[in-house]
Amino acid sequence: MTKRELIEIVAKKANLTNKAARDAVQSVVNSIRDALKRGEKVVITGFGTFSVRKRVERVGRNPKTGAKITIPARKAPGFTPGKTLKKVVR
């Protein structure tokens, strides 16, 4: 499902115009993004949890030359599905 398809579904189910649905979906996405940017966790009960995960520094290899390189530590977004979502997908 693409973002456009999600907007169309929201518009139909909530009886909104496509523009209003697009604004609503974009607001949710922006709110999640901004919370993660601040290092906060976003919990949507019944769906899952968005969080920032810290990846430690590690040693890797350059696939072209085979030389060892150090991959720096960084933060990455993560998602953990909730119990209800897991149950529905099974």
PDB file of N, CA and C in Angstrom:
ATOM      1  N   MET A   1       0.844  -1.170   0.000  1.00  0.00           N
ATOM      2  CA  MET A   1       0.000   0.000   0.000  1.00  0.00           C
ATOM      3  C   MET A   1       0.892   1.237   0.000  1.00  0.00           C
ATOM      4  N   THR A   2       0.580   2.161  -0.865  1.00  0.00           N
ATOM      5  CA  THR A   2       1.334   3.404  -0.934  1.00  0.00           C
ATOM      6  C   THR A   2       0.659   4.476  -0.090  1.00  0.00           C
ATOM      7  N   LYS A   3       1.346   5.581   0.087  1.00  0.00           N
ATOM      8  CA  LYS A   3       0.779   6.686   0.853  1.00  0.00           C
ATOM      9  C   LYS A   3      -0.493   7.202   0.177  1.00  0.00           C
ATOM     10  N   ARG A   4      -0.485   7.266  -1.131  1.00  0.00           N
ATOM     11  CA  ARG A   4      -1.658   7.734  -1.881  1.00  0.00           C
ATOM     12  C   ARG A   4      -2.863   6.822  -1.639  1.00  0.00           C
ATOM     13  N   GLU A   5      -2.626   5.515  -1.660  1.00  0.00           N
ATOM     14  CA  GLU A   5      -3.710   4.565  -1.400  1.00  0.00           C
ATOM     15  C   GLU A   5      -4.230   4.709   0.027  1.00  0.00           C
ATOM     16  N   LEU A   6      -3.324   4.928   0.973  1.00  0.00           N
ATOM     17  CA  LEU A   6      -3.724   5.131   2.362  1.00  0.00           C
ATOM     18  C   LEU A   6      -4.599   6.378   2.487  1.00  0.00           C
ATOM     19  N   ILE A   7      -4.231   7.439   1.809  1.00  0.00           N
ATOM     20  CA  ILE A   7      -5.013   8.680   1.838  1.00  0.00           C
ATOM     21  C   ILE A   7      -6.416   8.443   1.279  1.00  0.00           C
ATOM     22  N   GLU A   8      -6.508   7.698   0.196  1.00  0.00           N
ATOM     23  CA  GLU A   8      -7.818   7.405  -0.400  1.00  0.00           C
ATOM     24  C   GLU A   8      -8.695   6.593   0.560  1.00  0.00           C
ATOM     25  N   ILE A   9      -8.108   5.626   1.246  1.00  0.00           N
ATOM     26  CA  ILE A   9      -8.861   4.803   2.197  1.00  0.00           C
ATOM     27  C   ILE A   9      -9.341   5.653   3.366  1.00  0.00           C
ATOM     28  N   VAL A  10      -8.459   6.510   3.886  1.00  0.00           N
ATOM     29  CA  VAL A  10      -8.839   7.384   4.998  1.00  0.00           C
ATOM     30  C   VAL A  10      -9.967   8.316   4.568  1.00  0.00           C
ATOM     31  N   ALA A  11      -9.886   8.844   3.364  1.00  0.00           N
ATOM     32  CA  ALA A  11     -10.922   9.748   2.857  1.00  0.00           C
ATOM     33  C   ALA A  11     -12.276   9.050   2.793  1.00  0.00           C
ATOM     34  N   LYS A  12     -12.279   7.808   2.303  1.00  0.00           N
ATOM     35  CA  LYS A  12     -13.538   7.058   2.193  1.00  0.00           C
ATOM     36  C   LYS A  12     -14.106   6.697   3.562  1.00  0.00           C
ATOM     37  N   LYS A  13     -13.263   6.140   4.436  1.00  0.00           N
ATOM     38  CA  LYS A  13     -13.743   5.647   5.733  1.00  0.00           C
ATOM     39  C   LYS A  13     -14.146   6.776   6.666  1.00  0.00           C
ATOM     40  N   ALA A  14     -13.469   7.925   6.585  1.00  0.00           N
ATOM     41  CA  ALA A  14     -13.775   9.035   7.487  1.00  0.00           C
ATOM     42  C   ALA A  14     -14.695  10.057   6.826  1.00  0.00           C
ATOM     43  N   ASN A  15     -15.118   9.759   5.596  1.00  0.00           N
ATOM     44  CA  ASN A  15     -16.005  10.652   4.852  1.00  0.00           C
ATOM     45  C   ASN A  15     -15.403  12.062   4.744  1.00  0.00           C
ATOM     46  N   LEU A  16     -14.116  12.106   4.302  1.00  0.00           N
ATOM     47  CA  LEU A  16     -13.390  13.362   4.141  1.00  0.00           C
ATOM     48  C   LEU A  16     -13.055  13.576   2.671  1.00  0.00           C
ATOM     49  N   THR A  17     -12.675  14.792   2.341  1.00  0.00           N
ATOM     50  CA  THR A  17     -12.156  15.043   0.997  1.00  0.00           C
ATOM     51  C   THR A  17     -10.740  14.484   0.943  1.00  0.00           C
ATOM     52  N   ASN A  18     -10.234  14.271  -0.267  1.00  0.00           N
ATOM     53  CA  ASN A  18      -8.868  13.756  -0.400  1.00  0.00           C
ATOM     54  C   ASN A  18      -7.861  14.730   0.208  1.00  0.00           C
ATOM     55  N   LYS A  19      -8.102  16.027   0.067  1.00  0.00           N
ATOM     56  CA  LYS A  19      -7.174  17.027   0.621  1.00  0.00           C
ATOM     57  C   LYS A  19      -7.161  16.949   2.143  1.00  0.00           C
ATOM     58  N   ALA A  20      -8.330  16.839   2.766  1.00  0.00           N
ATOM     59  CA  ALA A  20      -8.407  16.743   4.232  1.00  0.00           C
ATOM     60  C   ALA A  20      -7.744  15.455   4.724  1.00  0.00           C
ATOM     61  N   ALA A  21      -7.971  14.361   4.005  1.00  0.00           N
ATOM     62  CA  ALA A  21      -7.361  13.081   4.379  1.00  0.00           C
ATOM     63  C   ALA A  21      -5.845  13.149   4.221  1.00  0.00           C
ATOM     64  N   ARG A  22      -5.377  13.790   3.136  1.00  0.00           N
ATOM     65  CA  ARG A  22      -3.931  13.933   2.908  1.00  0.00           C
ATOM     66  C   ARG A  22      -3.307  14.743   4.044  1.00  0.00           C
ATOM     67  N   ASP A  23      -3.976  15.822   4.449  1.00  0.00           N
ATOM     68  CA  ASP A  23      -3.473  16.645   5.550  1.00  0.00           C
ATOM     69  C   ASP A  23      -3.429  15.849   6.851  1.00  0.00           C
ATOM     70  N   ALA A  24      -4.446  15.031   7.092  1.00  0.00           N
ATOM     71  CA  ALA A  24      -4.501  14.221   8.314  1.00  0.00           C
ATOM     72  C   ALA A  24      -3.373  13.191   8.341  1.00  0.00           C
ATOM     73  N   VAL A  25      -3.210  12.476   7.243  1.00  0.00           N
ATOM     74  CA  VAL A  25      -2.167  11.445   7.174  1.00  0.00           C
ATOM     75  C   VAL A  25      -0.787  12.098   7.306  1.00  0.00           C
ATOM     76  N   GLN A  26      -0.588  13.223   6.625  1.00  0.00           N
ATOM     77  CA  GLN A  26       0.705  13.912   6.678  1.00  0.00           C
ATOM     78  C   GLN A  26       0.988  14.420   8.085  1.00  0.00           C
ATOM     79  N   SER A  27      -0.044  14.871   8.788  1.00  0.00           N
ATOM     80  CA  SER A  27       0.125  15.343  10.166  1.00  0.00           C
ATOM     81  C   SER A  27       0.567  14.214  11.083  1.00  0.00           C
ATOM     82  N   VAL A  28      -0.026  13.032  10.917  1.00  0.00           N
ATOM     83  CA  VAL A  28       0.360  11.878  11.738  1.00  0.00           C
ATOM     84  C   VAL A  28       1.813  11.492  11.466  1.00  0.00           C
ATOM     85  N   VAL A  29       2.169  11.409  10.186  1.00  0.00           N
ATOM     86  CA  VAL A  29       3.536  11.036   9.817  1.00  0.00           C
ATOM     87  C   VAL A  29       4.536  12.062  10.350  1.00  0.00           C
ATOM     88  N   ASN A  30       4.224  13.340  10.196  1.00  0.00           N
ATOM     89  CA  ASN A  30       5.122  14.393  10.679  1.00  0.00           C
ATOM     90  C   ASN A  30       5.258  14.357  12.202  1.00  0.00           C
ATOM     91  N   SER A  31       4.171  14.086  12.902  1.00  0.00           N
ATOM     92  CA  SER A  31       4.212  14.016  14.363  1.00  0.00           C
ATOM     93  C   SER A  31       5.093  12.870  14.834  1.00  0.00           C
ATOM     94  N   ILE A  32       4.978  11.726  14.193  1.00  0.00           N
ATOM     95  CA  ILE A  32       5.828  10.574  14.542  1.00  0.00           C
ATOM     96  C   ILE A  32       7.286  10.910  14.255  1.00  0.00           C
ATOM     97  N   ARG A  33       7.550  11.486  13.082  1.00  0.00           N
ATOM     98  CA  ARG A  33       8.914  11.854  12.700  1.00  0.00           C
ATOM     99  C   ARG A  33       9.523  12.834  13.695  1.00  0.00           C
ATOM    100  N   ASP A  34       8.767  13.869  14.069  1.00  0.00           N
ATOM    101  CA  ASP A  34       9.283  14.880  14.989  1.00  0.00           C
ATOM    102  C   ASP A  34       9.557  14.302  16.373  1.00  0.00           C
ATOM    103  N   ALA A  35       8.692  13.412  16.851  1.00  0.00           N
ATOM    104  CA  ALA A  35       8.904  12.777  18.150  1.00  0.00           C
ATOM    105  C   ALA A  35      10.172  11.919  18.126  1.00  0.00           C
ATOM    106  N   LEU A  36      10.381  11.170  17.062  1.00  0.00           N
ATOM    107  CA  LEU A  36      11.588  10.348  16.949  1.00  0.00           C
ATOM    108  C   LEU A  36      12.832  11.232  16.870  1.00  0.00           C
ATOM    109  N   LYS A  37      12.708  12.355  16.194  1.00  0.00           N
ATOM    110  CA  LYS A  37      13.821  13.294  16.073  1.00  0.00           C
ATOM    111  C   LYS A  37      14.242  13.808  17.452  1.00  0.00           C
ATOM    112  N   ARG A  38      13.265  13.988  18.350  1.00  0.00           N
ATOM    113  CA  ARG A  38      13.549  14.434  19.715  1.00  0.00           C
ATOM    114  C   ARG A  38      13.997  13.284  20.610  1.00  0.00           C
ATOM    115  N   GLY A  39      14.012  12.058  20.076  1.00  0.00           N
ATOM    116  CA  GLY A  39      14.450  10.896  20.846  1.00  0.00           C
ATOM    117  C   GLY A  39      13.339  10.255  21.662  1.00  0.00           C
ATOM    118  N   GLU A  40      12.099  10.625  21.394  1.00  0.00           N
ATOM    119  CA  GLU A  40      10.964  10.086  22.134  1.00  0.00           C
ATOM    120  C   GLU A  40      10.453   8.803  21.497  1.00  0.00           C
ATOM    121  N   LYS A  41       9.696   8.050  22.296  1.00  0.00           N
ATOM    122  CA  LYS A  41       9.024   6.852  21.813  1.00  0.00           C
ATOM    123  C   LYS A  41       7.593   7.216  21.450  1.00  0.00           C
ATOM    124  N   VAL A  42       7.064   6.613  20.389  1.00  0.00           N
ATOM    125  CA  VAL A  42       5.667   6.830  20.011  1.00  0.00           C
ATOM    126  C   VAL A  42       4.950   5.491  20.127  1.00  0.00           C
ATOM    127  N   VAL A  43       3.975   5.427  21.035  1.00  0.00           N
ATOM    128  CA  VAL A  43       3.235   4.191  21.276  1.00  0.00           C
ATOM    129  C   VAL A  43       1.821   4.369  20.756  1.00  0.00           C
ATOM    130  N   ILE A  44       1.425   3.526  19.820  1.00  0.00           N
ATOM    131  CA  ILE A  44       0.062   3.509  19.311  1.00  0.00           C
ATOM    132  C   ILE A  44      -0.527   2.176  19.764  1.00  0.00           C
ATOM    133  N   THR A  45      -1.346   2.251  20.798  1.00  0.00           N
ATOM    134  CA  THR A  45      -1.903   1.045  21.406  1.00  0.00           C
ATOM    135  C   THR A  45      -2.666   0.225  20.376  1.00  0.00           C
ATOM    136  N   GLY A  46      -2.382  -1.065  20.338  1.00  0.00           N
ATOM    137  CA  GLY A  46      -3.025  -1.967  19.394  1.00  0.00           C
ATOM    138  C   GLY A  46      -2.310  -2.038  18.059  1.00  0.00           C
ATOM    139  N   PHE A  47      -1.354  -1.138  17.824  1.00  0.00           N
ATOM    140  CA  PHE A  47      -0.630  -1.133  16.552  1.00  0.00           C
ATOM    141  C   PHE A  47       0.843  -1.433  16.757  1.00  0.00           C
ATOM    142  N   GLY A  48       1.523  -0.591  17.546  1.00  0.00           N
ATOM    143  CA  GLY A  48       2.929  -0.838  17.785  1.00  0.00           C
ATOM    144  C   GLY A  48       3.634   0.368  18.355  1.00  0.00           C
ATOM    145  N   THR A  49       4.976   0.259  18.459  1.00  0.00           N
ATOM    146  CA  THR A  49       5.799   1.292  19.050  1.00  0.00           C
ATOM    147  C   THR A  49       6.914   1.680  18.089  1.00  0.00           C
ATOM    148  N   PHE A  50       7.011   2.977  17.831  1.00  0.00           N
ATOM    149  CA  PHE A  50       8.121   3.527  17.054  1.00  0.00           C
ATOM    150  C   PHE A  50       9.144   4.043  18.054  1.00  0.00           C
ATOM    151  N   SER A  51      10.420   3.742  17.832  1.00  0.00           N
ATOM    152  CA  SER A  51      11.453   4.202  18.753  1.00  0.00           C
ATOM    153  C   SER A  51      12.753   4.438  17.995  1.00  0.00           C
ATOM    154  N   VAL A  52      13.697   5.086  18.689  1.00  0.00           N
ATOM    155  CA  VAL A  52      15.023   5.315  18.121  1.00  0.00           C
ATOM    156  C   VAL A  52      15.956   4.278  18.715  1.00  0.00           C
ATOM    157  N   ARG A  53      16.633   3.557  17.858  1.00  0.00           N
ATOM    158  CA  ARG A  53      17.571   2.522  18.318  1.00  0.00           C
ATOM    159  C   ARG A  53      18.998   2.993  18.078  1.00  0.00           C
ATOM    160  N   LYS A  54      19.851   2.713  19.044  1.00  0.00           N
ATOM    161  CA  LYS A  54      21.261   3.098  18.915  1.00  0.00           C
ATOM    162  C   LYS A  54      22.034   1.907  18.362  1.00  0.00           C
ATOM    163  N   ARG A  55      22.751   2.161  17.279  1.00  0.00           N
ATOM    164  CA  ARG A  55      23.593   1.104  16.695  1.00  0.00           C
ATOM    165  C   ARG A  55      25.031   1.389  17.094  1.00  0.00           C
ATOM    166  N   VAL A  56      25.702   0.395  17.617  1.00  0.00           N
ATOM    167  CA  VAL A  56      27.067   0.586  18.101  1.00  0.00           C
ATOM    168  C   VAL A  56      28.060   0.593  16.940  1.00  0.00           C
ATOM    169  N   GLU A  57      29.226   1.147  17.209  1.00  0.00           N
ATOM    170  CA  GLU A  57      30.303   1.153  16.213  1.00  0.00           C
ATOM    171  C   GLU A  57      30.764  -0.285  15.997  1.00  0.00           C
ATOM    172  N   ARG A  58      31.061  -0.618  14.750  1.00  0.00           N
ATOM    173  CA  ARG A  58      31.485  -1.990  14.462  1.00  0.00           C
ATOM    174  C   ARG A  58      32.472  -1.999  13.310  1.00  0.00           C
ATOM    175  N   VAL A  59      33.124  -3.135  13.140  1.00  0.00           N
ATOM    176  CA  VAL A  59      34.101  -3.298  12.067  1.00  0.00           C
ATOM    177  C   VAL A  59      33.434  -4.026  10.914  1.00  0.00           C
ATOM    178  N   GLY A  60      33.612  -3.494   9.713  1.00  0.00           N
ATOM    179  CA  GLY A  60      33.065  -4.123   8.518  1.00  0.00           C
ATOM    180  C   GLY A  60      34.151  -4.255   7.470  1.00  0.00           C
ATOM    181  N   ARG A  61      33.763  -4.707   6.285  1.00  0.00           N
ATOM    182  CA  ARG A  61      34.724  -4.854   5.197  1.00  0.00           C
ATOM    183  C   ARG A  61      34.242  -4.106   3.970  1.00  0.00           C
ATOM    184  N   ASN A  62      35.176  -3.487   3.289  1.00  0.00           N
ATOM    185  CA  ASN A  62      34.872  -2.853   2.012  1.00  0.00           C
ATOM    186  C   ASN A  62      34.705  -3.981   0.996  1.00  0.00           C
ATOM    187  N   PRO A  63      33.518  -4.120   0.382  1.00  0.00           N
ATOM    188  CA  PRO A  63      33.296  -5.259  -0.517  1.00  0.00           C
ATOM    189  C   PRO A  63      34.174  -5.223  -1.770  1.00  0.00           C
ATOM    190  N   LYS A  64      34.629  -4.050  -2.143  1.00  0.00           N
ATOM    191  CA  LYS A  64      35.457  -3.928  -3.348  1.00  0.00           C
ATOM    192  C   LYS A  64      36.902  -4.353  -3.088  1.00  0.00           C
ATOM    193  N   THR A  65      37.467  -3.843  -1.984  1.00  0.00           N
ATOM    194  CA  THR A  65      38.878  -4.098  -1.721  1.00  0.00           C
ATOM    195  C   THR A  65      39.113  -5.162  -0.655  1.00  0.00           C
ATOM    196  N   GLY A  66      38.128  -5.431   0.174  1.00  0.00           N
ATOM    197  CA  GLY A  66      38.289  -6.395   1.255  1.00  0.00           C
ATOM    198  C   GLY A  66      38.943  -5.797   2.482  1.00  0.00           C
ATOM    199  N   ALA A  67      39.255  -4.491   2.436  1.00  0.00           N
ATOM    200  CA  ALA A  67      39.906  -3.836   3.567  1.00  0.00           C
ATOM    201  C   ALA A  67      38.910  -3.653   4.714  1.00  0.00           C
ATOM    202  N   LYS A  68      39.442  -3.744   5.945  1.00  0.00           N
ATOM    203  CA  LYS A  68      38.599  -3.536   7.112  1.00  0.00           C
ATOM    204  C   LYS A  68      38.327  -2.042   7.263  1.00  0.00           C
ATOM    205  N   ILE A  69      37.068  -1.719   7.593  1.00  0.00           N
ATOM    206  CA  ILE A  69      36.692  -0.334   7.848  1.00  0.00           C
ATOM    207  C   ILE A  69      35.873  -0.279   9.132  1.00  0.00           C
ATOM    208  N   THR A  70      35.880   0.873   9.760  1.00  0.00           N
ATOM    209  CA  THR A  70      35.085   1.060  10.971  1.00  0.00           C
ATOM    210  C   THR A  70      33.782   1.738  10.574  1.00  0.00           C
ATOM    211  N   ILE A  71      32.686   1.107  10.912  1.00  0.00           N
ATOM    212  CA  ILE A  71      31.365   1.672  10.645  1.00  0.00           C
ATOM    213  C   ILE A  71      30.978   2.427  11.914  1.00  0.00           C
ATOM    214  N   PRO A  72      30.772   3.744  11.818  1.00  0.00           N
ATOM    215  CA  PRO A  72      30.512   4.535  13.027  1.00  0.00           C
ATOM    216  C   PRO A  72      29.166   4.227  13.671  1.00  0.00           C
ATOM    217  N   ALA A  73      29.062   4.557  14.957  1.00  0.00           N
ATOM    218  CA  ALA A  73      27.801   4.396  15.684  1.00  0.00           C
ATOM    219  C   ALA A  73      26.788   5.386  15.114  1.00  0.00           C
ATOM    220  N   ARG A  74      25.519   5.016  15.159  1.00  0.00           N
ATOM    221  CA  ARG A  74      24.477   5.918  14.669  1.00  0.00           C
ATOM    222  C   ARG A  74      23.144   5.545  15.283  1.00  0.00           C
ATOM    223  N   LYS A  75      22.172   6.411  15.062  1.00  0.00           N
ATOM    224  CA  LYS A  75      20.812   6.139  15.528  1.00  0.00           C
ATOM    225  C   LYS A  75      19.981   5.728  14.322  1.00  0.00           C
ATOM    226  N   ALA A  76      19.026   4.825  14.543  1.00  0.00           N
ATOM    227  CA  ALA A  76      18.161   4.368  13.462  1.00  0.00           C
ATOM    228  C   ALA A  76      16.740   4.224  13.999  1.00  0.00           C
ATOM    229  N   PRO A  77      15.742   4.552  13.174  1.00  0.00           N
ATOM    230  CA  PRO A  77      14.364   4.365  13.630  1.00  0.00           C
ATOM    231  C   PRO A  77      14.020   2.875  13.671  1.00  0.00           C
ATOM    232  N   GLY A  78      13.178   2.516  14.625  1.00  0.00           N
ATOM    233  CA  GLY A  78      12.758   1.128  14.746  1.00  0.00           C
ATOM    234  C   GLY A  78      11.272   1.044  15.009  1.00  0.00           C
ATOM    235  N   PHE A  79      10.689  -0.104  14.701  1.00  0.00           N
ATOM    236  CA  PHE A  79       9.269  -0.333  14.948  1.00  0.00           C
ATOM    237  C   PHE A  79       9.096  -1.712  15.552  1.00  0.00           C
ATOM    238  N   THR A  80       8.329  -1.770  16.633  1.00  0.00           N
ATOM    239  CA  THR A  80       7.993  -3.046  17.256  1.00  0.00           C
ATOM    240  C   THR A  80       6.485  -3.203  17.181  1.00  0.00           C
ATOM    241  N   PRO A  81       5.995  -4.217  16.488  1.00  0.00           N
ATOM    242  CA  PRO A  81       4.541  -4.387  16.383  1.00  0.00           C
ATOM    243  C   PRO A  81       3.920  -4.763  17.724  1.00  0.00           C
ATOM    244  N   GLY A  82       2.690  -4.304  17.930  1.00  0.00           N
ATOM    245  CA  GLY A  82       1.956  -4.619  19.154  1.00  0.00           C
ATOM    246  C   GLY A  82       1.322  -5.998  19.072  1.00  0.00           C
ATOM    247  N   LYS A  83       0.842  -6.462  20.202  1.00  0.00           N
ATOM    248  CA  LYS A  83       0.257  -7.801  20.284  1.00  0.00           C
ATOM    249  C   LYS A  83      -0.951  -7.944  19.343  1.00  0.00           C
ATOM    250  N   THR A  84      -1.800  -6.908  19.292  1.00  0.00           N
ATOM    251  CA  THR A  84      -3.000  -6.963  18.448  1.00  0.00           C
ATOM    252  C   THR A  84      -2.628  -7.055  16.978  1.00  0.00           C
ATOM    253  N   LEU A  85      -1.647  -6.255  16.545  1.00  0.00           N
ATOM    254  CA  LEU A  85      -1.222  -6.288  15.148  1.00  0.00           C
ATOM    255  C   LEU A  85      -0.615  -7.640  14.787  1.00  0.00           C
ATOM    256  N   LYS A  86       0.181  -8.189  15.682  1.00  0.00           N
ATOM    257  CA  LYS A  86       0.770  -9.513  15.432  1.00  0.00           C
ATOM    258  C   LYS A  86      -0.313 -10.565  15.242  1.00  0.00           C
ATOM    259  N   LYS A  87      -1.329 -10.491  16.107  1.00  0.00           N
ATOM    260  CA  LYS A  87      -2.413 -11.461  16.052  1.00  0.00           C
ATOM    261  C   LYS A  87      -3.180 -11.377  14.724  1.00  0.00           C
ATOM    262  N   VAL A  88      -3.432 -10.158  14.256  1.00  0.00           N
ATOM    263  CA  VAL A  88      -4.177  -9.952  13.013  1.00  0.00           C
ATOM    264  C   VAL A  88      -3.399 -10.442  11.801  1.00  0.00           C
ATOM    265  N   VAL A  89      -2.080 -10.232  11.816  1.00  0.00           N
ATOM    266  CA  VAL A  89      -1.254 -10.610  10.670  1.00  0.00           C
ATOM    267  C   VAL A  89      -1.106 -12.131  10.564  1.00  0.00           C
ATOM    268  N   ARG A  90      -1.087 -12.825  11.685  1.00  0.00           N
ATOM    269  CA  ARG A  90      -0.936 -14.280  11.658  1.00  0.00           C
ATOM    270  C   ARG A  90      -2.074 -14.875  10.983  1.00  0.00           C
TER     271      ARG A  90
END
